[in-house]
Each structure stands twice: as C-alpha cells, then as structure tokens.
Amino acid sequence: MNRWMKIAILATLAGGAGAQAQQRHDLAAGAWRGEIDGEGWTQPLSIDLDQQSGGWRGEWRSFTWSPTKPLQSVDVQGDEVRFETDKLRFIGQVSGSKLSGTVSRKVDGDSVGEFSVVHDGGGLDHYSPASEPSFPLPTYSD
C-alpha cells in the first residue's frame, strides 16, 4: 500500500470517529417526555435539553399545560445527564431513546423516586392523525 493510500484510510477513520463522538455528545439534546415514579404516585414530566455555546441549558414542566421553568445546573458528560429544579436533583443515563435515573431532594439528598422519559422528536403540541378516533365509514349500495 502506498503512502497516500494509508493517509486516505487514516483520514477516513478519523473522520468517522469524530462524527461518532459528536453523535454521542448530543445524545441528551432534544425533547423528552415521561414521568416521575415516586412511592405510590406518578407525575408527568417534560424536559427539553439544548447545548449552547459549549454549555447545556434546559427547561422542564410537570404537567402538559403548565408553564415551563428553567432547569438549573444542567451537566451532560457522555451518556450521563444531571440537572436540578428548585427542589429536586435528577441524575440519569441515556440509553437509546430513553433517559432514566433517580430523583432526590436537593436539601437533604433523600430519594424521591425514579424518572423515565423517552425522546420525543415532535414535542407534545404536534398533531398526530393516529390520535384521532376512527369510525367505520358507511357503505352505500345502489
């Protein structure tokens, strides 16, 4: 193999590794929908995470129609995601299209439960024809 062929192969491999690292780095970005599962109760949870200027920011809401609130201390390292609300601390891990982990109180660190959200490419407010009821259409004969 000549020298230029080796350089071309190395450049191709390096480019592929860079793209894979970028994809892995962006695993947490986007809209996530699911719930917090506490001891005997569940609560809806929506999280939106975005990387901006080398740092992470996000918003959350606990009910579909409630206003969003900013997340605090958002940190993403590979597939590990950490963030806080005014009262809670979330530590989770991305696996495929799922982000799940533990929820604890910020004040004393006591466990509140677990959370599990899935990546939602379209968000909650998009129209889905599958959500419409379907009725059999009448048949007519002459």
N, C-alpha and C. Protein backbone atom coordinates (compact mmCIF):
# COMPACT_ATOMS: atom_id res chain seq x y z
N MET A 1 0.86 -1.17 0.00
CA MET A 1 0.00 0.00 0.00
C MET A 1 0.90 1.24 0.00
N ASN A 2 0.57 2.17 -0.84
CA ASN A 2 1.44 3.35 -0.90
C ASN A 2 1.07 4.34 0.21
N ARG A 3 1.92 5.31 0.35
CA ARG A 3 1.80 6.29 1.44
C ARG A 3 0.49 7.07 1.37
N TRP A 4 0.08 7.51 0.18
CA TRP A 4 -1.14 8.31 0.03
C TRP A 4 -2.39 7.50 0.37
N MET A 5 -2.36 6.22 0.05
CA MET A 5 -3.48 5.35 0.36
C MET A 5 -3.63 5.22 1.88
N LYS A 6 -2.52 5.08 2.61
CA LYS A 6 -2.55 4.99 4.06
C LYS A 6 -3.10 6.28 4.68
N ILE A 7 -2.67 7.41 4.15
CA ILE A 7 -3.15 8.70 4.65
C ILE A 7 -4.66 8.82 4.43
N ALA A 8 -5.13 8.41 3.27
CA ALA A 8 -6.57 8.49 2.97
C ALA A 8 -7.37 7.60 3.92
N ILE A 9 -6.88 6.41 4.20
CA ILE A 9 -7.58 5.50 5.11
C ILE A 9 -7.61 6.07 6.52
N LEU A 10 -6.49 6.59 6.98
CA LEU A 10 -6.43 7.19 8.33
C LEU A 10 -7.36 8.39 8.43
N ALA A 11 -7.42 9.22 7.40
CA ALA A 11 -8.30 10.39 7.41
C ALA A 11 -9.77 9.96 7.47
N THR A 12 -10.11 8.93 6.74
CA THR A 12 -11.48 8.42 6.75
C THR A 12 -11.85 7.88 8.13
N LEU A 13 -10.95 7.11 8.72
CA LEU A 13 -11.21 6.57 10.06
C LEU A 13 -11.32 7.67 11.10
N ALA A 14 -10.47 8.66 11.03
CA ALA A 14 -10.51 9.77 11.98
C ALA A 14 -11.80 10.57 11.82
N GLY A 15 -12.25 10.78 10.60
CA GLY A 15 -13.50 11.50 10.37
C GLY A 15 -14.68 10.75 10.93
N GLY A 16 -14.71 9.43 10.77
CA GLY A 16 -15.79 8.62 11.31
C GLY A 16 -15.80 8.64 12.83
N ALA A 17 -14.64 8.62 13.44
CA ALA A 17 -14.56 8.68 14.91
C ALA A 17 -15.04 10.02 15.42
N GLY A 18 -14.72 11.09 14.69
CA GLY A 18 -15.18 12.42 15.09
C GLY A 18 -16.69 12.54 15.01
N ALA A 19 -17.28 11.99 13.97
CA ALA A 19 -18.74 12.02 13.82
C ALA A 19 -19.40 11.21 14.93
N GLN A 20 -18.82 10.05 15.26
CA GLN A 20 -19.38 9.22 16.32
C GLN A 20 -19.28 9.93 17.66
N ALA A 21 -18.18 10.61 17.93
CA ALA A 21 -18.04 11.36 19.18
C ALA A 21 -19.06 12.48 19.24
N GLN A 22 -19.32 13.16 18.12
CA GLN A 22 -20.31 14.23 18.10
C GLN A 22 -21.70 13.68 18.36
N GLN A 23 -22.05 12.53 17.73
CA GLN A 23 -23.35 11.92 17.97
C GLN A 23 -23.50 11.54 19.44
N ARG A 24 -22.48 10.96 20.02
CA ARG A 24 -22.53 10.54 21.42
C ARG A 24 -22.67 11.76 22.33
N HIS A 25 -22.03 12.87 21.96
CA HIS A 25 -22.08 14.09 22.76
C HIS A 25 -23.47 14.70 22.76
N ASP A 26 -24.21 14.52 21.66
CA ASP A 26 -25.53 15.12 21.54
C ASP A 26 -26.66 14.17 21.94
N LEU A 27 -26.37 13.08 22.59
CA LEU A 27 -27.39 12.11 22.98
C LEU A 27 -28.50 12.73 23.80
N ALA A 28 -28.18 13.67 24.66
CA ALA A 28 -29.16 14.23 25.59
C ALA A 28 -29.98 15.36 24.99
N ALA A 29 -29.56 15.91 23.86
CA ALA A 29 -30.26 17.06 23.29
C ALA A 29 -31.64 16.68 22.79
N GLY A 30 -32.60 17.60 23.01
CA GLY A 30 -33.93 17.40 22.47
C GLY A 30 -35.02 17.40 23.53
N ALA A 31 -36.20 17.01 23.08
CA ALA A 31 -37.38 16.98 23.95
C ALA A 31 -37.58 15.57 24.49
N TRP A 32 -37.87 15.48 25.77
CA TRP A 32 -38.06 14.21 26.45
C TRP A 32 -39.39 14.24 27.20
N ARG A 33 -40.17 13.16 27.12
CA ARG A 33 -41.47 13.10 27.77
C ARG A 33 -41.62 11.78 28.52
N GLY A 34 -42.15 11.87 29.73
CA GLY A 34 -42.34 10.66 30.54
C GLY A 34 -42.93 11.00 31.88
N GLU A 35 -42.34 10.40 32.94
CA GLU A 35 -42.90 10.63 34.27
C GLU A 35 -41.89 10.38 35.37
N ILE A 36 -42.23 10.93 36.53
CA ILE A 36 -41.52 10.62 37.77
C ILE A 36 -42.36 9.56 38.47
N ASP A 37 -41.72 8.51 38.92
CA ASP A 37 -42.40 7.44 39.64
C ASP A 37 -41.92 7.48 41.08
N GLY A 38 -42.78 8.02 41.96
CA GLY A 38 -42.45 8.09 43.38
C GLY A 38 -43.02 6.90 44.12
N GLU A 39 -43.02 6.96 45.39
CA GLU A 39 -43.56 5.86 46.19
C GLU A 39 -45.09 5.95 46.20
N GLY A 40 -45.72 5.23 45.28
CA GLY A 40 -47.17 5.20 45.22
C GLY A 40 -47.81 6.29 44.39
N TRP A 41 -47.04 7.09 43.69
CA TRP A 41 -47.61 8.14 42.85
C TRP A 41 -46.76 8.31 41.60
N THR A 42 -47.37 8.82 40.56
CA THR A 42 -46.63 9.17 39.34
C THR A 42 -47.01 10.60 38.95
N GLN A 43 -46.09 11.26 38.30
CA GLN A 43 -46.32 12.63 37.86
C GLN A 43 -45.70 12.81 36.48
N PRO A 44 -46.45 13.39 35.53
CA PRO A 44 -45.89 13.63 34.20
C PRO A 44 -44.65 14.53 34.28
N LEU A 45 -43.73 14.34 33.34
CA LEU A 45 -42.51 15.13 33.30
C LEU A 45 -42.12 15.37 31.86
N SER A 46 -41.86 16.62 31.53
CA SER A 46 -41.36 17.00 30.20
C SER A 46 -40.06 17.77 30.40
N ILE A 47 -39.05 17.38 29.65
CA ILE A 47 -37.73 18.01 29.74
C ILE A 47 -37.28 18.38 28.33
N ASP A 48 -36.73 19.56 28.17
CA ASP A 48 -36.13 19.97 26.91
C ASP A 48 -34.69 20.38 27.20
N LEU A 49 -33.74 19.72 26.56
CA LEU A 49 -32.32 19.98 26.77
C LEU A 49 -31.69 20.47 25.47
N ASP A 50 -30.78 21.44 25.60
CA ASP A 50 -30.15 22.03 24.44
C ASP A 50 -28.72 22.43 24.79
N GLN A 51 -27.81 22.19 23.86
CA GLN A 51 -26.43 22.61 24.06
C GLN A 51 -26.22 23.93 23.35
N GLN A 52 -25.69 24.92 24.08
CA GLN A 52 -25.44 26.23 23.51
C GLN A 52 -24.11 26.77 23.99
N SER A 53 -23.30 27.20 23.07
CA SER A 53 -22.00 27.82 23.39
C SER A 53 -21.17 26.98 24.35
N GLY A 54 -21.10 25.69 24.10
CA GLY A 54 -20.27 24.82 24.92
C GLY A 54 -20.88 24.41 26.25
N GLY A 55 -22.04 24.92 26.59
CA GLY A 55 -22.71 24.55 27.83
C GLY A 55 -24.10 24.01 27.55
N TRP A 56 -24.75 23.52 28.58
CA TRP A 56 -26.08 22.95 28.44
C TRP A 56 -27.09 23.80 29.19
N ARG A 57 -28.29 23.87 28.65
CA ARG A 57 -29.41 24.54 29.30
C ARG A 57 -30.64 23.68 29.09
N GLY A 58 -31.68 23.97 29.86
CA GLY A 58 -32.90 23.19 29.67
C GLY A 58 -34.09 23.80 30.36
N GLU A 59 -35.24 23.25 30.04
CA GLU A 59 -36.50 23.66 30.65
C GLU A 59 -37.26 22.40 31.01
N TRP A 60 -38.19 22.55 31.97
CA TRP A 60 -38.99 21.41 32.37
C TRP A 60 -40.40 21.87 32.72
N ARG A 61 -41.30 20.93 32.72
CA ARG A 61 -42.65 21.16 33.23
C ARG A 61 -43.20 19.83 33.71
N SER A 62 -44.09 19.92 34.69
CA SER A 62 -44.60 18.69 35.29
C SER A 62 -45.99 18.32 34.79
N PHE A 63 -46.66 19.22 34.12
CA PHE A 63 -47.96 18.91 33.55
C PHE A 63 -48.02 19.47 32.14
N THR A 64 -48.81 18.87 31.30
CA THR A 64 -48.86 19.24 29.89
C THR A 64 -49.11 20.72 29.69
N TRP A 65 -50.03 21.30 30.42
CA TRP A 65 -50.41 22.69 30.18
C TRP A 65 -49.75 23.67 31.13
N SER A 66 -48.88 23.21 32.00
CA SER A 66 -48.21 24.13 32.92
C SER A 66 -47.09 24.87 32.20
N PRO A 67 -46.72 26.06 32.70
CA PRO A 67 -45.63 26.80 32.04
C PRO A 67 -44.29 26.09 32.28
N THR A 68 -43.37 26.27 31.33
CA THR A 68 -42.05 25.68 31.51
C THR A 68 -41.25 26.54 32.48
N LYS A 69 -40.31 25.88 33.15
CA LYS A 69 -39.40 26.55 34.08
C LYS A 69 -37.98 26.15 33.71
N PRO A 70 -37.03 27.05 33.92
CA PRO A 70 -35.64 26.70 33.57
C PRO A 70 -35.06 25.65 34.52
N LEU A 71 -34.26 24.76 33.95
CA LEU A 71 -33.51 23.81 34.75
C LEU A 71 -32.26 24.50 35.28
N GLN A 72 -31.73 23.99 36.37
CA GLN A 72 -30.51 24.53 36.97
C GLN A 72 -29.42 23.47 36.90
N SER A 73 -28.19 23.90 36.87
CA SER A 73 -27.02 23.02 36.93
C SER A 73 -27.09 21.86 35.94
N VAL A 74 -27.43 22.14 34.69
CA VAL A 74 -27.50 21.10 33.67
C VAL A 74 -26.08 20.68 33.29
N ASP A 75 -25.80 19.39 33.38
CA ASP A 75 -24.47 18.87 33.07
C ASP A 75 -24.63 17.56 32.30
N VAL A 76 -23.99 17.47 31.15
CA VAL A 76 -24.02 16.27 30.33
C VAL A 76 -22.59 15.83 30.08
N GLN A 77 -22.29 14.61 30.47
CA GLN A 77 -20.97 14.01 30.25
C GLN A 77 -21.19 12.66 29.59
N GLY A 78 -21.02 12.61 28.26
CA GLY A 78 -21.29 11.36 27.53
C GLY A 78 -22.75 11.02 27.61
N ASP A 79 -23.08 9.85 28.18
CA ASP A 79 -24.48 9.47 28.30
C ASP A 79 -25.06 9.76 29.69
N GLU A 80 -24.28 10.39 30.57
CA GLU A 80 -24.77 10.74 31.91
C GLU A 80 -25.30 12.18 31.90
N VAL A 81 -26.50 12.35 32.47
CA VAL A 81 -27.18 13.64 32.47
C VAL A 81 -27.55 14.00 33.90
N ARG A 82 -27.23 15.23 34.32
CA ARG A 82 -27.59 15.73 35.65
C ARG A 82 -28.23 17.10 35.49
N PHE A 83 -29.29 17.34 36.27
CA PHE A 83 -29.90 18.66 36.29
C PHE A 83 -30.72 18.79 37.57
N GLU A 84 -31.10 20.04 37.87
CA GLU A 84 -31.86 20.32 39.08
C GLU A 84 -33.02 21.26 38.76
N THR A 85 -34.06 21.15 39.60
CA THR A 85 -35.13 22.14 39.63
C THR A 85 -34.94 22.91 40.93
N ASP A 86 -35.92 23.71 41.31
CA ASP A 86 -35.80 24.45 42.57
C ASP A 86 -35.62 23.51 43.77
N LYS A 87 -36.29 22.35 43.74
CA LYS A 87 -36.29 21.47 44.91
C LYS A 87 -35.73 20.08 44.67
N LEU A 88 -35.57 19.66 43.40
CA LEU A 88 -35.18 18.29 43.10
C LEU A 88 -33.89 18.20 42.31
N ARG A 89 -33.21 17.07 42.46
CA ARG A 89 -31.98 16.77 41.72
C ARG A 89 -32.22 15.48 40.93
N PHE A 90 -31.90 15.51 39.64
CA PHE A 90 -32.08 14.37 38.75
C PHE A 90 -30.71 13.89 38.28
N ILE A 91 -30.48 12.60 38.35
CA ILE A 91 -29.26 12.01 37.81
C ILE A 91 -29.69 10.83 36.96
N GLY A 92 -29.36 10.89 35.66
CA GLY A 92 -29.83 9.84 34.76
C GLY A 92 -28.82 9.47 33.71
N GLN A 93 -29.22 8.49 32.91
CA GLN A 93 -28.36 7.99 31.86
C GLN A 93 -29.20 7.77 30.60
N VAL A 94 -28.64 8.18 29.46
CA VAL A 94 -29.29 7.98 28.18
C VAL A 94 -28.93 6.59 27.67
N SER A 95 -29.96 5.86 27.26
CA SER A 95 -29.76 4.55 26.64
C SER A 95 -30.71 4.46 25.46
N GLY A 96 -30.18 4.64 24.26
CA GLY A 96 -31.03 4.66 23.07
C GLY A 96 -31.91 5.91 23.10
N SER A 97 -33.22 5.71 23.03
CA SER A 97 -34.14 6.85 23.05
C SER A 97 -34.75 7.05 24.44
N LYS A 98 -34.13 6.48 25.47
CA LYS A 98 -34.65 6.59 26.83
C LYS A 98 -33.62 7.25 27.75
N LEU A 99 -34.11 8.14 28.61
CA LEU A 99 -33.31 8.77 29.65
C LEU A 99 -33.98 8.43 30.97
N SER A 100 -33.27 7.77 31.85
CA SER A 100 -33.88 7.38 33.13
C SER A 100 -32.84 7.46 34.24
N GLY A 101 -33.37 7.58 35.47
CA GLY A 101 -32.47 7.66 36.61
C GLY A 101 -33.21 7.95 37.89
N THR A 102 -32.50 8.57 38.83
CA THR A 102 -33.04 8.81 40.17
C THR A 102 -33.39 10.27 40.38
N VAL A 103 -34.31 10.48 41.31
CA VAL A 103 -34.74 11.83 41.70
C VAL A 103 -34.58 11.92 43.21
N SER A 104 -33.93 12.98 43.68
CA SER A 104 -33.76 13.19 45.12
C SER A 104 -34.01 14.65 45.46
N ARG A 105 -34.27 14.90 46.73
CA ARG A 105 -34.46 16.29 47.18
C ARG A 105 -33.09 16.97 47.26
N LYS A 106 -33.03 18.22 46.84
CA LYS A 106 -31.77 18.96 46.88
C LYS A 106 -31.33 19.23 48.32
N VAL A 107 -32.28 19.51 49.18
CA VAL A 107 -31.94 19.94 50.55
C VAL A 107 -31.23 18.85 51.34
N ASP A 108 -31.82 17.65 51.38
CA ASP A 108 -31.25 16.60 52.22
C ASP A 108 -30.76 15.38 51.46
N GLY A 109 -30.96 15.34 50.14
CA GLY A 109 -30.49 14.22 49.34
C GLY A 109 -31.35 12.97 49.44
N ASP A 110 -32.46 13.05 50.18
CA ASP A 110 -33.34 11.89 50.31
C ASP A 110 -33.97 11.55 48.95
N SER A 111 -34.09 10.26 48.69
CA SER A 111 -34.67 9.79 47.45
C SER A 111 -36.16 10.11 47.38
N VAL A 112 -36.59 10.58 46.22
CA VAL A 112 -38.00 10.84 45.96
C VAL A 112 -38.57 9.74 45.08
N GLY A 113 -37.74 9.16 44.24
CA GLY A 113 -38.18 8.11 43.33
C GLY A 113 -37.28 8.03 42.12
N GLU A 114 -37.87 7.62 41.01
CA GLU A 114 -37.13 7.48 39.76
C GLU A 114 -37.86 8.21 38.65
N PHE A 115 -37.13 8.56 37.60
CA PHE A 115 -37.77 9.17 36.44
C PHE A 115 -37.40 8.39 35.20
N SER A 116 -38.28 8.44 34.23
CA SER A 116 -38.05 7.79 32.96
C SER A 116 -38.75 8.61 31.88
N VAL A 117 -37.99 9.05 30.90
CA VAL A 117 -38.53 9.83 29.80
C VAL A 117 -37.99 9.26 28.49
N VAL A 118 -38.75 9.43 27.43
CA VAL A 118 -38.31 8.98 26.12
C VAL A 118 -38.16 10.19 25.20
N HIS A 119 -37.26 10.06 24.25
CA HIS A 119 -37.00 11.15 23.31
C HIS A 119 -38.25 11.36 22.46
N ASP A 120 -38.68 12.59 22.41
CA ASP A 120 -39.89 12.95 21.68
C ASP A 120 -39.51 13.90 20.56
N GLY A 121 -39.36 13.38 19.37
CA GLY A 121 -38.91 14.19 18.24
C GLY A 121 -39.86 15.31 17.87
N GLY A 122 -41.16 15.17 18.14
CA GLY A 122 -42.10 16.18 17.70
C GLY A 122 -42.67 17.04 18.80
N GLY A 123 -42.40 16.74 20.05
CA GLY A 123 -42.96 17.52 21.14
C GLY A 123 -44.40 17.14 21.43
N LEU A 124 -44.96 17.73 22.47
CA LEU A 124 -46.32 17.40 22.88
C LEU A 124 -47.38 18.09 22.04
N ASP A 125 -47.04 19.19 21.44
CA ASP A 125 -48.05 20.00 20.81
C ASP A 125 -48.20 19.75 19.31
N HIS A 126 -47.70 18.63 18.81
CA HIS A 126 -47.85 18.38 17.39
C HIS A 126 -49.10 17.54 17.12
N TYR A 127 -49.61 17.62 15.90
CA TYR A 127 -50.79 16.88 15.50
C TYR A 127 -50.40 15.50 15.04
N SER A 128 -51.10 14.51 15.54
CA SER A 128 -50.87 13.15 15.11
C SER A 128 -52.18 12.55 14.63
N PRO A 129 -52.29 12.18 13.36
CA PRO A 129 -53.53 11.60 12.88
C PRO A 129 -53.89 10.33 13.64
N ALA A 130 -52.92 9.63 14.18
CA ALA A 130 -53.20 8.41 14.93
C ALA A 130 -53.97 8.70 16.21
N SER A 131 -53.96 9.95 16.67
CA SER A 131 -54.66 10.28 17.90
C SER A 131 -56.14 10.55 17.65
N GLU A 132 -56.55 10.63 16.38
CA GLU A 132 -57.94 10.86 16.05
C GLU A 132 -58.73 9.55 16.16
N PRO A 133 -59.96 9.61 16.64
CA PRO A 133 -60.76 8.39 16.67
C PRO A 133 -61.09 7.96 15.24
N SER A 134 -61.17 6.68 15.04
CA SER A 134 -61.53 6.20 13.71
C SER A 134 -62.86 5.47 13.80
N PHE A 135 -63.72 5.76 12.86
CA PHE A 135 -65.04 5.16 12.81
C PHE A 135 -65.17 4.45 11.48
N PRO A 136 -65.91 3.36 11.44
CA PRO A 136 -66.12 2.71 10.14
C PRO A 136 -66.95 3.61 9.23
N LEU A 137 -66.58 3.71 8.00
CA LEU A 137 -67.31 4.52 7.05
C LEU A 137 -68.52 3.71 6.55
N PRO A 138 -69.64 4.40 6.39
CA PRO A 138 -70.83 3.67 5.90
C PRO A 138 -70.63 3.25 4.45
N THR A 139 -71.20 2.14 4.11
CA THR A 139 -71.15 1.69 2.72
C THR A 139 -72.50 1.95 2.08
N TYR A 140 -72.49 2.34 0.84
CA TYR A 140 -73.72 2.66 0.12
C TYR A 140 -73.86 1.69 -1.04
N SER A 141 -75.06 1.28 -1.26
CA SER A 141 -75.30 0.43 -2.44
C SER A 141 -76.42 1.05 -3.26
N ASP A 142 -76.35 0.90 -4.55
CA ASP A 142 -77.38 1.47 -5.44
C ASP A 142 -78.41 0.45 -5.78
